[in-house]
Amino acid sequence: MTVNIRFEEPALVVLHASGVLMRAEVDAAKRQVHDHMQSHGKQHVLAVIEEGFENLQAFVSWDDIDVDRYIQQHVIRMAIVGDLRWRDTALLFFLNGVSRFQIEYFKAGQEEFARAWLVG
């Protein structure tokens, strides 16, 4: 599996991505996050791009799905941790410029800084 989700207290969703992100897996992960947010309220999100990450599934439409708007309204802040070569792609994927929440990118190995920023 290329997307691994963990829900931590207090109010933290942790996503790990590796390999090639497949559209079906990403959509399933979004639905899990949506369901969690409906039960537990607004959340901080930490996305970790693992060393073995390759890219997004090619030739696939990455349009929003029905739960995206709800998720976007229930994210407090988002931190992304990964190799700097993925920075622009990740920020574009999460629409940094138009999202309702603050997004910050941290280079690989800075997960603790990212966690501190999320709650800071």
PDB file of N, CA and C in Angstrom:
ATOM      1  N   MET A   1       0.839  -1.192   0.000  1.00  0.00           N
ATOM      2  CA  MET A   1       0.000   0.000   0.000  1.00  0.00           C
ATOM      3  C   MET A   1       0.876   1.244   0.000  1.00  0.00           C
ATOM      4  N   THR A   2       0.472   2.249  -0.741  1.00  0.00           N
ATOM      5  CA  THR A   2       1.289   3.454  -0.847  1.00  0.00           C
ATOM      6  C   THR A   2       0.855   4.565   0.092  1.00  0.00           C
ATOM      7  N   VAL A   3      -0.348   4.460   0.686  1.00  0.00           N
ATOM      8  CA  VAL A   3      -0.824   5.461   1.638  1.00  0.00           C
ATOM      9  C   VAL A   3      -1.141   4.752   2.949  1.00  0.00           C
ATOM     10  N   ASN A   4      -0.510   5.234   4.013  1.00  0.00           N
ATOM     11  CA  ASN A   4      -0.745   4.677   5.340  1.00  0.00           C
ATOM     12  C   ASN A   4      -1.261   5.822   6.219  1.00  0.00           C
ATOM     13  N   ILE A   5      -2.383   5.591   6.916  1.00  0.00           N
ATOM     14  CA  ILE A   5      -2.994   6.632   7.749  1.00  0.00           C
ATOM     15  C   ILE A   5      -2.991   6.189   9.201  1.00  0.00           C
ATOM     16  N   ARG A   6      -2.658   7.145  10.072  1.00  0.00           N
ATOM     17  CA  ARG A   6      -2.710   6.917  11.515  1.00  0.00           C
ATOM     18  C   ARG A   6      -3.403   8.133  12.128  1.00  0.00           C
ATOM     19  N   PHE A   7      -4.255   7.877  13.096  1.00  0.00           N
ATOM     20  CA  PHE A   7      -4.926   8.958  13.808  1.00  0.00           C
ATOM     21  C   PHE A   7      -4.342   9.024  15.206  1.00  0.00           C
ATOM     22  N   GLU A   8      -3.778  10.182  15.558  1.00  0.00           N
ATOM     23  CA  GLU A   8      -3.130  10.363  16.852  1.00  0.00           C
ATOM     24  C   GLU A   8      -3.847  11.443  17.641  1.00  0.00           C
ATOM     25  N   GLU A   9      -3.686  11.388  18.938  1.00  0.00           N
ATOM     26  CA  GLU A   9      -4.246  12.415  19.824  1.00  0.00           C
ATOM     27  C   GLU A   9      -3.185  13.461  20.089  1.00  0.00           C
ATOM     28  N   PRO A  10      -3.504  14.686  20.275  1.00  0.00           N
ATOM     29  CA  PRO A  10      -4.832  15.256  20.103  1.00  0.00           C
ATOM     30  C   PRO A  10      -5.007  15.786  18.688  1.00  0.00           C
ATOM     31  N   ALA A  11      -6.022  15.365  18.024  1.00  0.00           N
ATOM     32  CA  ALA A  11      -6.460  15.916  16.731  1.00  0.00           C
ATOM     33  C   ALA A  11      -5.372  15.950  15.663  1.00  0.00           C
ATOM     34  N   LEU A  12      -4.755  14.796  15.416  1.00  0.00           N
ATOM     35  CA  LEU A  12      -3.697  14.736  14.413  1.00  0.00           C
ATOM     36  C   LEU A  12      -3.893  13.536  13.485  1.00  0.00           C
ATOM     37  N   VAL A  13      -3.938  13.817  12.195  1.00  0.00           N
ATOM     38  CA  VAL A  13      -3.973  12.786  11.169  1.00  0.00           C
ATOM     39  C   VAL A  13      -2.571  12.703  10.576  1.00  0.00           C
ATOM     40  N   VAL A  14      -1.975  11.519  10.569  1.00  0.00           N
ATOM     41  CA  VAL A  14      -0.633  11.329  10.022  1.00  0.00           C
ATOM     42  C   VAL A  14      -0.741  10.424   8.790  1.00  0.00           C
ATOM     43  N   LEU A  15      -0.284  10.938   7.654  1.00  0.00           N
ATOM     44  CA  LEU A  15      -0.306  10.192   6.397  1.00  0.00           C
ATOM     45  C   LEU A  15       1.122   9.931   5.958  1.00  0.00           C
ATOM     46  N   HIS A  16       1.419   8.698   5.571  1.00  0.00           N
ATOM     47  CA  HIS A  16       2.721   8.349   5.003  1.00  0.00           C
ATOM     48  C   HIS A  16       2.488   7.899   3.572  1.00  0.00           C
ATOM     49  N   ALA A  17       3.246   8.459   2.637  1.00  0.00           N
ATOM     50  CA  ALA A  17       3.114   8.117   1.219  1.00  0.00           C
ATOM     51  C   ALA A  17       4.427   7.554   0.703  1.00  0.00           C
ATOM     52  N   SER A  18       4.322   6.449  -0.040  1.00  0.00           N
ATOM     53  CA  SER A  18       5.513   5.854  -0.653  1.00  0.00           C
ATOM     54  C   SER A  18       5.121   5.236  -1.980  1.00  0.00           C
ATOM     55  N   GLY A  19       6.112   4.893  -2.769  1.00  0.00           N
ATOM     56  CA  GLY A  19       5.844   4.285  -4.069  1.00  0.00           C
ATOM     57  C   GLY A  19       5.124   5.242  -4.993  1.00  0.00           C
ATOM     58  N   VAL A  20       4.223   4.705  -5.803  1.00  0.00           N
ATOM     59  CA  VAL A  20       3.406   5.503  -6.716  1.00  0.00           C
ATOM     60  C   VAL A  20       2.026   5.646  -6.091  1.00  0.00           C
ATOM     61  N   LEU A  21       1.589   6.890  -5.868  1.00  0.00           N
ATOM     62  CA  LEU A  21       0.263   7.108  -5.307  1.00  0.00           C
ATOM     63  C   LEU A  21      -0.792   6.822  -6.363  1.00  0.00           C
ATOM     64  N   MET A  22      -1.626   5.840  -6.094  1.00  0.00           N
ATOM     65  CA  MET A  22      -2.694   5.456  -7.011  1.00  0.00           C
ATOM     66  C   MET A  22      -3.963   6.209  -6.642  1.00  0.00           C
ATOM     67  N   ARG A  23      -4.708   6.631  -7.640  1.00  0.00           N
ATOM     68  CA  ARG A  23      -5.925   7.429  -7.414  1.00  0.00           C
ATOM     69  C   ARG A  23      -6.893   6.720  -6.475  1.00  0.00           C
ATOM     70  N   ALA A  24      -7.128   5.438  -6.667  1.00  0.00           N
ATOM     71  CA  ALA A  24      -8.088   4.704  -5.835  1.00  0.00           C
ATOM     72  C   ALA A  24      -7.650   4.685  -4.371  1.00  0.00           C
ATOM     73  N   GLU A  25      -6.351   4.531  -4.125  1.00  0.00           N
ATOM     74  CA  GLU A  25      -5.848   4.526  -2.742  1.00  0.00           C
ATOM     75  C   GLU A  25      -5.986   5.898  -2.096  1.00  0.00           C
ATOM     76  N   VAL A  26      -5.701   6.943  -2.854  1.00  0.00           N
ATOM     77  CA  VAL A  26      -5.816   8.299  -2.328  1.00  0.00           C
ATOM     78  C   VAL A  26      -7.282   8.601  -1.997  1.00  0.00           C
ATOM     79  N   ASP A  27      -8.191   8.223  -2.885  1.00  0.00           N
ATOM     80  CA  ASP A  27      -9.612   8.460  -2.629  1.00  0.00           C
ATOM     81  C   ASP A  27     -10.085   7.692  -1.399  1.00  0.00           C
ATOM     82  N   ALA A  28      -9.635   6.455  -1.234  1.00  0.00           N
ATOM     83  CA  ALA A  28      -9.999   5.663  -0.054  1.00  0.00           C
ATOM     84  C   ALA A  28      -9.445   6.312   1.218  1.00  0.00           C
ATOM     85  N   ALA A  29      -8.230   6.830   1.152  1.00  0.00           N
ATOM     86  CA  ALA A  29      -7.628   7.511   2.302  1.00  0.00           C
ATOM     87  C   ALA A  29      -8.426   8.770   2.653  1.00  0.00           C
ATOM     88  N   LYS A  30      -8.833   9.525   1.637  1.00  0.00           N
ATOM     89  CA  LYS A  30      -9.631  10.727   1.882  1.00  0.00           C
ATOM     90  C   LYS A  30     -10.933  10.369   2.589  1.00  0.00           C
ATOM     91  N   ARG A  31     -11.552   9.286   2.187  1.00  0.00           N
ATOM     92  CA  ARG A  31     -12.806   8.874   2.820  1.00  0.00           C
ATOM     93  C   ARG A  31     -12.587   8.500   4.295  1.00  0.00           C
ATOM     94  N   GLN A  32     -11.459   7.852   4.587  1.00  0.00           N
ATOM     95  CA  GLN A  32     -11.129   7.527   5.981  1.00  0.00           C
ATOM     96  C   GLN A  32     -10.942   8.795   6.806  1.00  0.00           C
ATOM     97  N   VAL A  33     -10.220   9.752   6.245  1.00  0.00           N
ATOM     98  CA  VAL A  33      -9.980  11.020   6.941  1.00  0.00           C
ATOM     99  C   VAL A  33     -11.306  11.749   7.150  1.00  0.00           C
ATOM    100  N   HIS A  34     -12.133  11.783   6.128  1.00  0.00           N
ATOM    101  CA  HIS A  34     -13.456  12.411   6.225  1.00  0.00           C
ATOM    102  C   HIS A  34     -14.271  11.801   7.355  1.00  0.00           C
ATOM    103  N   ASP A  35     -14.341  10.477   7.399  1.00  0.00           N
ATOM    104  CA  ASP A  35     -15.115   9.791   8.431  1.00  0.00           C
ATOM    105  C   ASP A  35     -14.571  10.101   9.828  1.00  0.00           C
ATOM    106  N   HIS A  36     -13.241  10.138   9.941  1.00  0.00           N
ATOM    107  CA  HIS A  36     -12.612  10.456  11.223  1.00  0.00           C
ATOM    108  C   HIS A  36     -12.963  11.882  11.651  1.00  0.00           C
ATOM    109  N   MET A  37     -12.902  12.815  10.706  1.00  0.00           N
ATOM    110  CA  MET A  37     -13.209  14.211  11.020  1.00  0.00           C
ATOM    111  C   MET A  37     -14.673  14.381  11.417  1.00  0.00           C
ATOM    112  N   GLN A  38     -15.552  13.636  10.793  1.00  0.00           N
ATOM    113  CA  GLN A  38     -16.959  13.725  11.176  1.00  0.00           C
ATOM    114  C   GLN A  38     -17.167  13.277  12.617  1.00  0.00           C
ATOM    115  N   SER A  39     -16.383  12.311  13.051  1.00  0.00           N
ATOM    116  CA  SER A  39     -16.512  11.802  14.417  1.00  0.00           C
ATOM    117  C   SER A  39     -15.720  12.610  15.441  1.00  0.00           C
ATOM    118  N   HIS A  40     -14.577  13.193  15.022  1.00  0.00           N
ATOM    119  CA  HIS A  40     -13.661  13.816  15.979  1.00  0.00           C
ATOM    120  C   HIS A  40     -13.418  15.310  15.765  1.00  0.00           C
ATOM    121  N   GLY A  41     -14.027  15.898  14.765  1.00  0.00           N
ATOM    122  CA  GLY A  41     -13.877  17.335  14.544  1.00  0.00           C
ATOM    123  C   GLY A  41     -12.641  17.707  13.755  1.00  0.00           C
ATOM    124  N   LYS A  42     -12.304  18.982  13.821  1.00  0.00           N
ATOM    125  CA  LYS A  42     -11.176  19.526  13.059  1.00  0.00           C
ATOM    126  C   LYS A  42      -9.868  18.858  13.485  1.00  0.00           C
ATOM    127  N   GLN A  43      -8.949  18.738  12.516  1.00  0.00           N
ATOM    128  CA  GLN A  43      -7.699  18.027  12.735  1.00  0.00           C
ATOM    129  C   GLN A  43      -6.523  18.787  12.131  1.00  0.00           C
ATOM    130  N   HIS A  44      -5.342  18.569  12.709  1.00  0.00           N
ATOM    131  CA  HIS A  44      -4.083  18.933  12.071  1.00  0.00           C
ATOM    132  C   HIS A  44      -3.713  17.747  11.190  1.00  0.00           C
ATOM    133  N   VAL A  45      -3.006  18.006  10.086  1.00  0.00           N
ATOM    134  CA  VAL A  45      -2.612  16.926   9.185  1.00  0.00           C
ATOM    135  C   VAL A  45      -1.104  16.981   8.968  1.00  0.00           C
ATOM    136  N   LEU A  46      -0.464  15.833   9.147  1.00  0.00           N
ATOM    137  CA  LEU A  46       0.963  15.672   8.874  1.00  0.00           C
ATOM    138  C   LEU A  46       1.097  14.656   7.745  1.00  0.00           C
ATOM    139  N   ALA A  47       1.632  15.087   6.615  1.00  0.00           N
ATOM    140  CA  ALA A  47       1.860  14.199   5.475  1.00  0.00           C
ATOM    141  C   ALA A  47       3.365  13.977   5.339  1.00  0.00           C
ATOM    142  N   VAL A  48       3.779  12.718   5.384  1.00  0.00           N
ATOM    143  CA  VAL A  48       5.191  12.372   5.278  1.00  0.00           C
ATOM    144  C   VAL A  48       5.413  11.664   3.951  1.00  0.00           C
ATOM    145  N   ILE A  49       6.255  12.259   3.111  1.00  0.00           N
ATOM    146  CA  ILE A  49       6.616  11.667   1.828  1.00  0.00           C
ATOM    147  C   ILE A  49       7.856  10.821   2.081  1.00  0.00           C
ATOM    148  N   GLU A  50       7.679   9.514   2.047  1.00  0.00           N
ATOM    149  CA  GLU A  50       8.762   8.587   2.375  1.00  0.00           C
ATOM    150  C   GLU A  50       9.855   8.597   1.309  1.00  0.00           C
ATOM    151  N   GLU A  51      11.018   8.108   1.691  1.00  0.00           N
ATOM    152  CA  GLU A  51      12.166   8.058   0.787  1.00  0.00           C
ATOM    153  C   GLU A  51      11.845   7.291  -0.496  1.00  0.00           C
ATOM    154  N   GLY A  52      11.023   6.262  -0.420  1.00  0.00           N
ATOM    155  CA  GLY A  52      10.686   5.461  -1.593  1.00  0.00           C
ATOM    156  C   GLY A  52       9.566   6.007  -2.454  1.00  0.00           C
ATOM    157  N   PHE A  53       9.133   7.236  -2.190  1.00  0.00           N
ATOM    158  CA  PHE A  53       8.063   7.835  -2.987  1.00  0.00           C
ATOM    159  C   PHE A  53       8.540   8.045  -4.418  1.00  0.00           C
ATOM    160  N   GLU A  54       7.687   7.685  -5.386  1.00  0.00           N
ATOM    161  CA  GLU A  54       8.061   7.834  -6.794  1.00  0.00           C
ATOM    162  C   GLU A  54       7.303   8.945  -7.490  1.00  0.00           C
ATOM    163  N   ASN A  55       5.972   8.987  -7.307  1.00  0.00           N
ATOM    164  CA  ASN A  55       5.175  10.040  -7.936  1.00  0.00           C
ATOM    165  C   ASN A  55       3.701   9.698  -7.831  1.00  0.00           C
ATOM    166  N   LEU A  56       2.875  10.521  -8.459  1.00  0.00           N
ATOM    167  CA  LEU A  56       1.447  10.260  -8.570  1.00  0.00           C
ATOM    168  C   LEU A  56       1.194   9.357  -9.775  1.00  0.00           C
ATOM    169  N   GLN A  57       0.123   8.584  -9.710  1.00  0.00           N
ATOM    170  CA  GLN A  57      -0.251   7.737 -10.839  1.00  0.00           C
ATOM    171  C   GLN A  57      -0.391   8.615 -12.085  1.00  0.00           C
ATOM    172  N   ALA A  58       0.245   8.221 -13.166  1.00  0.00           N
ATOM    173  CA  ALA A  58       0.245   8.998 -14.397  1.00  0.00           C
ATOM    174  C   ALA A  58      -1.072   8.862 -15.154  1.00  0.00           C
ATOM    175  N   PHE A  59      -1.388   9.881 -15.925  1.00  0.00           N
ATOM    176  CA  PHE A  59      -2.542   9.894 -16.824  1.00  0.00           C
ATOM    177  C   PHE A  59      -3.877   9.692 -16.115  1.00  0.00           C
ATOM    178  N   VAL A  60      -3.970  10.165 -14.885  1.00  0.00           N
ATOM    179  CA  VAL A  60      -5.199  10.045 -14.112  1.00  0.00           C
ATOM    180  C   VAL A  60      -5.697  11.444 -13.797  1.00  0.00           C
ATOM    181  N   SER A  61      -6.998  11.635 -13.839  1.00  0.00           N
ATOM    182  CA  SER A  61      -7.592  12.899 -13.448  1.00  0.00           C
ATOM    183  C   SER A  61      -7.623  12.972 -11.924  1.00  0.00           C
ATOM    184  N   TRP A  62      -6.988  13.988 -11.362  1.00  0.00           N
ATOM    185  CA  TRP A  62      -6.929  14.134  -9.911  1.00  0.00           C
ATOM    186  C   TRP A  62      -7.958  15.140  -9.420  1.00  0.00           C
ATOM    187  N   ASP A  63      -9.119  15.164 -10.062  1.00  0.00           N
ATOM    188  CA  ASP A  63     -10.194  16.065  -9.653  1.00  0.00           C
ATOM    189  C   ASP A  63     -10.647  15.749  -8.234  1.00  0.00           C
ATOM    190  N   ASP A  64     -11.240  16.747  -7.578  1.00  0.00           N
ATOM    191  CA  ASP A  64     -11.774  16.559  -6.233  1.00  0.00           C
ATOM    192  C   ASP A  64     -12.882  15.509  -6.230  1.00  0.00           C
ATOM    193  N   ILE A  65     -13.040  14.873  -5.079  1.00  0.00           N
ATOM    194  CA  ILE A  65     -14.152  13.954  -4.893  1.00  0.00           C
ATOM    195  C   ILE A  65     -15.120  14.574  -3.886  1.00  0.00           C
ATOM    196  N   ASP A  66     -16.231  13.913  -3.631  1.00  0.00           N
ATOM    197  CA  ASP A  66     -17.293  14.476  -2.801  1.00  0.00           C
ATOM    198  C   ASP A  66     -16.862  14.877  -1.396  1.00  0.00           C
ATOM    199  N   VAL A  67     -15.864  14.252  -0.815  1.00  0.00           N
ATOM    200  CA  VAL A  67     -15.463  14.551   0.563  1.00  0.00           C
ATOM    201  C   VAL A  67     -14.392  15.636   0.671  1.00  0.00           C
ATOM    202  N   ASP A  68     -13.810  16.046  -0.440  1.00  0.00           N
ATOM    203  CA  ASP A  68     -12.702  17.009  -0.394  1.00  0.00           C
ATOM    204  C   ASP A  68     -13.079  18.338   0.249  1.00  0.00           C
ATOM    205  N   ARG A  69     -14.212  18.871  -0.100  1.00  0.00           N
ATOM    206  CA  ARG A  69     -14.614  20.169   0.449  1.00  0.00           C
ATOM    207  C   ARG A  69     -14.764  20.085   1.971  1.00  0.00           C
ATOM    208  N   TYR A  70     -15.366  19.030   2.467  1.00  0.00           N
ATOM    209  CA  TYR A  70     -15.531  18.841   3.905  1.00  0.00           C
ATOM    210  C   TYR A  70     -14.161  18.763   4.588  1.00  0.00           C
ATOM    211  N   ILE A  71     -13.270  17.966   4.019  1.00  0.00           N
ATOM    212  CA  ILE A  71     -11.926  17.826   4.596  1.00  0.00           C
ATOM    213  C   ILE A  71     -11.239  19.181   4.656  1.00  0.00           C
ATOM    214  N   GLN A  72     -11.273  19.922   3.562  1.00  0.00           N
ATOM    215  CA  GLN A  72     -10.609  21.224   3.513  1.00  0.00           C
ATOM    216  C   GLN A  72     -11.148  22.178   4.576  1.00  0.00           C
ATOM    217  N   GLN A  73     -12.420  22.071   4.894  1.00  0.00           N
ATOM    218  CA  GLN A  73     -13.015  22.933   5.904  1.00  0.00           C
ATOM    219  C   GLN A  73     -12.677  22.483   7.326  1.00  0.00           C
ATOM    220  N   HIS A  74     -12.148  21.267   7.477  1.00  0.00           N
ATOM    221  CA  HIS A  74     -11.888  20.720   8.807  1.00  0.00           C
ATOM    222  C   HIS A  74     -10.409  20.456   9.091  1.00  0.00           C
ATOM    223  N   VAL A  75      -9.546  20.989   8.246  1.00  0.00           N
ATOM    224  CA  VAL A  75      -8.102  20.930   8.512  1.00  0.00           C
ATOM    225  C   VAL A  75      -7.717  22.235   9.193  1.00  0.00           C
ATOM    226  N   ILE A  76      -7.024  22.113  10.306  1.00  0.00           N
ATOM    227  CA  ILE A  76      -6.565  23.302  11.038  1.00  0.00           C
ATOM    228  C   ILE A  76      -5.286  23.835  10.382  1.00  0.00           C
ATOM    229  N   ARG A  77      -4.307  22.972  10.252  1.00  0.00           N
ATOM    230  CA  ARG A  77      -3.020  23.266   9.609  1.00  0.00           C
ATOM    231  C   ARG A  77      -2.513  21.971   9.003  1.00  0.00           C
ATOM    232  N   MET A  78      -1.638  22.116   8.006  1.00  0.00           N
ATOM    233  CA  MET A  78      -1.049  20.930   7.390  1.00  0.00           C
ATOM    234  C   MET A  78       0.452  21.122   7.261  1.00  0.00           C
ATOM    235  N   ALA A  79       1.195  20.082   7.660  1.00  0.00           N
ATOM    236  CA  ALA A  79       2.650  20.064   7.481  1.00  0.00           C
ATOM    237  C   ALA A  79       2.979  18.900   6.567  1.00  0.00           C
ATOM    238  N   ILE A  80       3.886  19.141   5.642  1.00  0.00           N
ATOM    239  CA  ILE A  80       4.350  18.102   4.732  1.00  0.00           C
ATOM    240  C   ILE A  80       5.844  17.944   4.958  1.00  0.00           C
ATOM    241  N   VAL A  81       6.296  16.702   5.097  1.00  0.00           N
ATOM    242  CA  VAL A  81       7.715  16.417   5.313  1.00  0.00           C
ATOM    243  C   VAL A  81       8.191  15.520   4.183  1.00  0.00           C
ATOM    244  N   GLY A  82       9.282  15.891   3.545  1.00  0.00           N
ATOM    245  CA  GLY A  82       9.821  15.046   2.480  1.00  0.00           C
ATOM    246  C   GLY A  82      11.018  15.671   1.805  1.00  0.00           C
ATOM    247  N   ASP A  83      11.581  14.926   0.878  1.00  0.00           N
ATOM    248  CA  ASP A  83      12.696  15.407   0.074  1.00  0.00           C
ATOM    249  C   ASP A  83      12.272  16.708  -0.612  1.00  0.00           C
ATOM    250  N   LEU A  84      13.168  17.680  -0.644  1.00  0.00           N
ATOM    251  CA  LEU A  84      12.832  18.986  -1.219  1.00  0.00           C
ATOM    252  C   LEU A  84      12.460  18.912  -2.700  1.00  0.00           C
ATOM    253  N   ARG A  85      12.847  17.853  -3.396  1.00  0.00           N
ATOM    254  CA  ARG A  85      12.481  17.756  -4.817  1.00  0.00           C
ATOM    255  C   ARG A  85      10.975  17.577  -5.000  1.00  0.00           C
ATOM    256  N   TRP A  86      10.253  17.171  -3.945  1.00  0.00           N
ATOM    257  CA  TRP A  86       8.797  16.995  -4.021  1.00  0.00           C
ATOM    258  C   TRP A  86       8.033  18.215  -3.530  1.00  0.00           C
ATOM    259  N   ARG A  87       8.737  19.227  -3.065  1.00  0.00           N
ATOM    260  CA  ARG A  87       8.087  20.386  -2.440  1.00  0.00           C
ATOM    261  C   ARG A  87       7.042  21.030  -3.348  1.00  0.00           C
ATOM    262  N   ASP A  88       7.420  21.457  -4.537  1.00  0.00           N
ATOM    263  CA  ASP A  88       6.490  22.163  -5.423  1.00  0.00           C
ATOM    264  C   ASP A  88       5.315  21.284  -5.829  1.00  0.00           C
ATOM    265  N   THR A  89       5.604  20.028  -6.137  1.00  0.00           N
ATOM    266  CA  THR A  89       4.544  19.098  -6.527  1.00  0.00           C
ATOM    267  C   THR A  89       3.554  18.906  -5.382  1.00  0.00           C
ATOM    268  N   ALA A  90       4.060  18.728  -4.174  1.00  0.00           N
ATOM    269  CA  ALA A  90       3.192  18.511  -3.015  1.00  0.00           C
ATOM    270  C   ALA A  90       2.344  19.748  -2.732  1.00  0.00           C
ATOM    271  N   LEU A  91       2.951  20.915  -2.755  1.00  0.00           N
ATOM    272  CA  LEU A  91       2.199  22.135  -2.478  1.00  0.00           C
ATOM    273  C   LEU A  91       1.139  22.389  -3.550  1.00  0.00           C
ATOM    274  N   LEU A  92       1.461  22.095  -4.788  1.00  0.00           N
ATOM    275  CA  LEU A  92       0.479  22.221  -5.864  1.00  0.00           C
ATOM    276  C   LEU A  92      -0.646  21.212  -5.673  1.00  0.00           C
ATOM    277  N   PHE A  93      -0.306  19.974  -5.329  1.00  0.00           N
ATOM    278  CA  PHE A  93      -1.300  18.923  -5.122  1.00  0.00           C
ATOM    279  C   PHE A  93      -2.290  19.326  -4.028  1.00  0.00           C
ATOM    280  N   PHE A  94      -1.800  19.928  -2.968  1.00  0.00           N
ATOM    281  CA  PHE A  94      -2.671  20.337  -1.865  1.00  0.00           C
ATOM    282  C   PHE A  94      -3.161  21.782  -2.015  1.00  0.00           C
ATOM    283  N   LEU A  95      -2.881  22.392  -3.162  1.00  0.00           N
ATOM    284  CA  LEU A  95      -3.360  23.739  -3.485  1.00  0.00           C
ATOM    285  C   LEU A  95      -3.041  24.757  -2.407  1.00  0.00           C
ATOM    286  N   ASN A  96      -1.771  24.881  -2.126  1.00  0.00           N
ATOM    287  CA  ASN A  96      -1.291  25.769  -1.067  1.00  0.00           C
ATOM    288  C   ASN A  96      -1.850  27.183  -1.181  1.00  0.00           C
ATOM    289  N   GLY A  97      -1.931  27.717  -2.379  1.00  0.00           N
ATOM    290  CA  GLY A  97      -2.344  29.110  -2.534  1.00  0.00           C
ATOM    291  C   GLY A  97      -3.816  29.374  -2.283  1.00  0.00           C
ATOM    292  N   VAL A  98      -4.670  28.370  -2.406  1.00  0.00           N
ATOM    293  CA  VAL A  98      -6.106  28.605  -2.276  1.00  0.00           C
ATOM    294  C   VAL A  98      -6.750  27.831  -1.130  1.00  0.00           C
ATOM    295  N   SER A  99      -5.964  27.087  -0.386  1.00  0.00           N
ATOM    296  CA  SER A  99      -6.541  26.318   0.712  1.00  0.00           C
ATOM    297  C   SER A  99      -6.956  27.264   1.835  1.00  0.00           C
ATOM    298  N   ARG A 100      -7.896  26.814   2.649  1.00  0.00           N
ATOM    299  CA  ARG A 100      -8.398  27.617   3.767  1.00  0.00           C
ATOM    300  C   ARG A 100      -7.507  27.507   4.989  1.00  0.00           C
ATOM    301  N   PHE A 101      -6.496  26.691   4.912  1.00  0.00           N
ATOM    302  CA  PHE A 101      -5.628  26.450   6.059  1.00  0.00           C
ATOM    303  C   PHE A 101      -4.178  26.661   5.634  1.00  0.00           C
ATOM    304  N   GLN A 102      -3.332  26.855   6.614  1.00  0.00           N
ATOM    305  CA  GLN A 102      -1.910  27.081   6.385  1.00  0.00           C
ATOM    306  C   GLN A 102      -1.212  25.753   6.102  1.00  0.00           C
ATOM    307  N   ILE A 103      -0.327  25.759   5.112  1.00  0.00           N
ATOM    308  CA  ILE A 103       0.476  24.581   4.772  1.00  0.00           C
ATOM    309  C   ILE A 103       1.941  24.980   4.822  1.00  0.00           C
ATOM    310  N   GLU A 104       2.749  24.127   5.437  1.00  0.00           N
ATOM    311  CA  GLU A 104       4.198  24.368   5.497  1.00  0.00           C
ATOM    312  C   GLU A 104       4.910  23.089   5.081  1.00  0.00           C
ATOM    313  N   TYR A 105       5.995  23.234   4.329  1.00  0.00           N
ATOM    314  CA  TYR A 105       6.781  22.091   3.867  1.00  0.00           C
ATOM    315  C   TYR A 105       8.091  22.042   4.647  1.00  0.00           C
ATOM    316  N   PHE A 106       8.425  20.853   5.135  1.00  0.00           N
ATOM    317  CA  PHE A 106       9.663  20.630   5.879  1.00  0.00           C
ATOM    318  C   PHE A 106      10.483  19.579   5.154  1.00  0.00           C
ATOM    319  N   LYS A 107      11.801  19.765   5.129  1.00  0.00           N
ATOM    320  CA  LYS A 107      12.630  18.783   4.438  1.00  0.00           C
ATOM    321  C   LYS A 107      12.697  17.470   5.220  1.00  0.00           C
ATOM    322  N   ALA A 108      13.052  16.422   4.516  1.00  0.00           N
ATOM    323  CA  ALA A 108      13.130  15.082   5.103  1.00  0.00           C
ATOM    324  C   ALA A 108      13.952  15.117   6.387  1.00  0.00           C
ATOM    325  N   GLY A 109      13.510  14.361   7.384  1.00  0.00           N
ATOM    326  CA  GLY A 109      14.202  14.307   8.654  1.00  0.00           C
ATOM    327  C   GLY A 109      13.722  15.343   9.657  1.00  0.00           C
ATOM    328  N   GLN A 110      12.791  16.198   9.272  1.00  0.00           N
ATOM    329  CA  GLN A 110      12.325  17.259  10.166  1.00  0.00           C
ATOM    330  C   GLN A 110      10.892  17.018  10.662  1.00  0.00           C
ATOM    331  N   GLU A 111      10.523  15.770  10.850  1.00  0.00           N
ATOM    332  CA  GLU A 111       9.165  15.458  11.293  1.00  0.00           C
ATOM    333  C   GLU A 111       8.857  16.079  12.658  1.00  0.00           C
ATOM    334  N   GLU A 112       9.811  16.080  13.566  1.00  0.00           N
ATOM    335  CA  GLU A 112       9.561  16.669  14.887  1.00  0.00           C
ATOM    336  C   GLU A 112       9.316  18.174  14.784  1.00  0.00           C
ATOM    337  N   PHE A 113      10.055  18.871  13.912  1.00  0.00           N
ATOM    338  CA  PHE A 113       9.816  20.297  13.690  1.00  0.00           C
ATOM    339  C   PHE A 113       8.418  20.514  13.121  1.00  0.00           C
ATOM    340  N   ALA A 114       8.041  19.645  12.184  1.00  0.00           N
ATOM    341  CA  ALA A 114       6.714  19.755  11.571  1.00  0.00           C
ATOM    342  C   ALA A 114       5.617  19.572  12.613  1.00  0.00           C
ATOM    343  N   ARG A 115       5.784  18.584  13.485  1.00  0.00           N
ATOM    344  CA  ARG A 115       4.796  18.351  14.541  1.00  0.00           C
ATOM    345  C   ARG A 115       4.713  19.570  15.469  1.00  0.00           C
ATOM    346  N   ALA A 116       5.842  20.143  15.815  1.00  0.00           N
ATOM    347  CA  ALA A 116       5.847  21.330  16.679  1.00  0.00           C
ATOM    348  C   ALA A 116       5.156  22.498  15.995  1.00  0.00           C
ATOM    349  N   TRP A 117       5.404  22.687  14.699  1.00  0.00           N
ATOM    350  CA  TRP A 117       4.768  23.772  13.951  1.00  0.00           C
ATOM    351  C   TRP A 117       3.247  23.585  13.907  1.00  0.00           C
ATOM    352  N   LEU A 118       2.809  22.363  13.746  1.00  0.00           N
ATOM    353  CA  LEU A 118       1.375  22.094  13.654  1.00  0.00           C
ATOM    354  C   LEU A 118       0.608  22.596  14.862  1.00  0.00           C
ATOM    355  N   VAL A 119       1.158  22.393  16.023  1.00  0.00           N
ATOM    356  CA  VAL A 119       0.442  22.780  17.245  1.00  0.00           C
ATOM    357  C   VAL A 119       0.852  24.145  17.776  1.00  0.00           C
ATOM    358  N   GLY A 120       1.840  24.775  17.112  1.00  0.00           N
ATOM    359  CA  GLY A 120       2.381  26.043  17.567  1.00  0.00           C
ATOM    360  C   GLY A 120       1.569  27.180  17.304  1.00  0.00           C
TER     361      GLY A 120
END
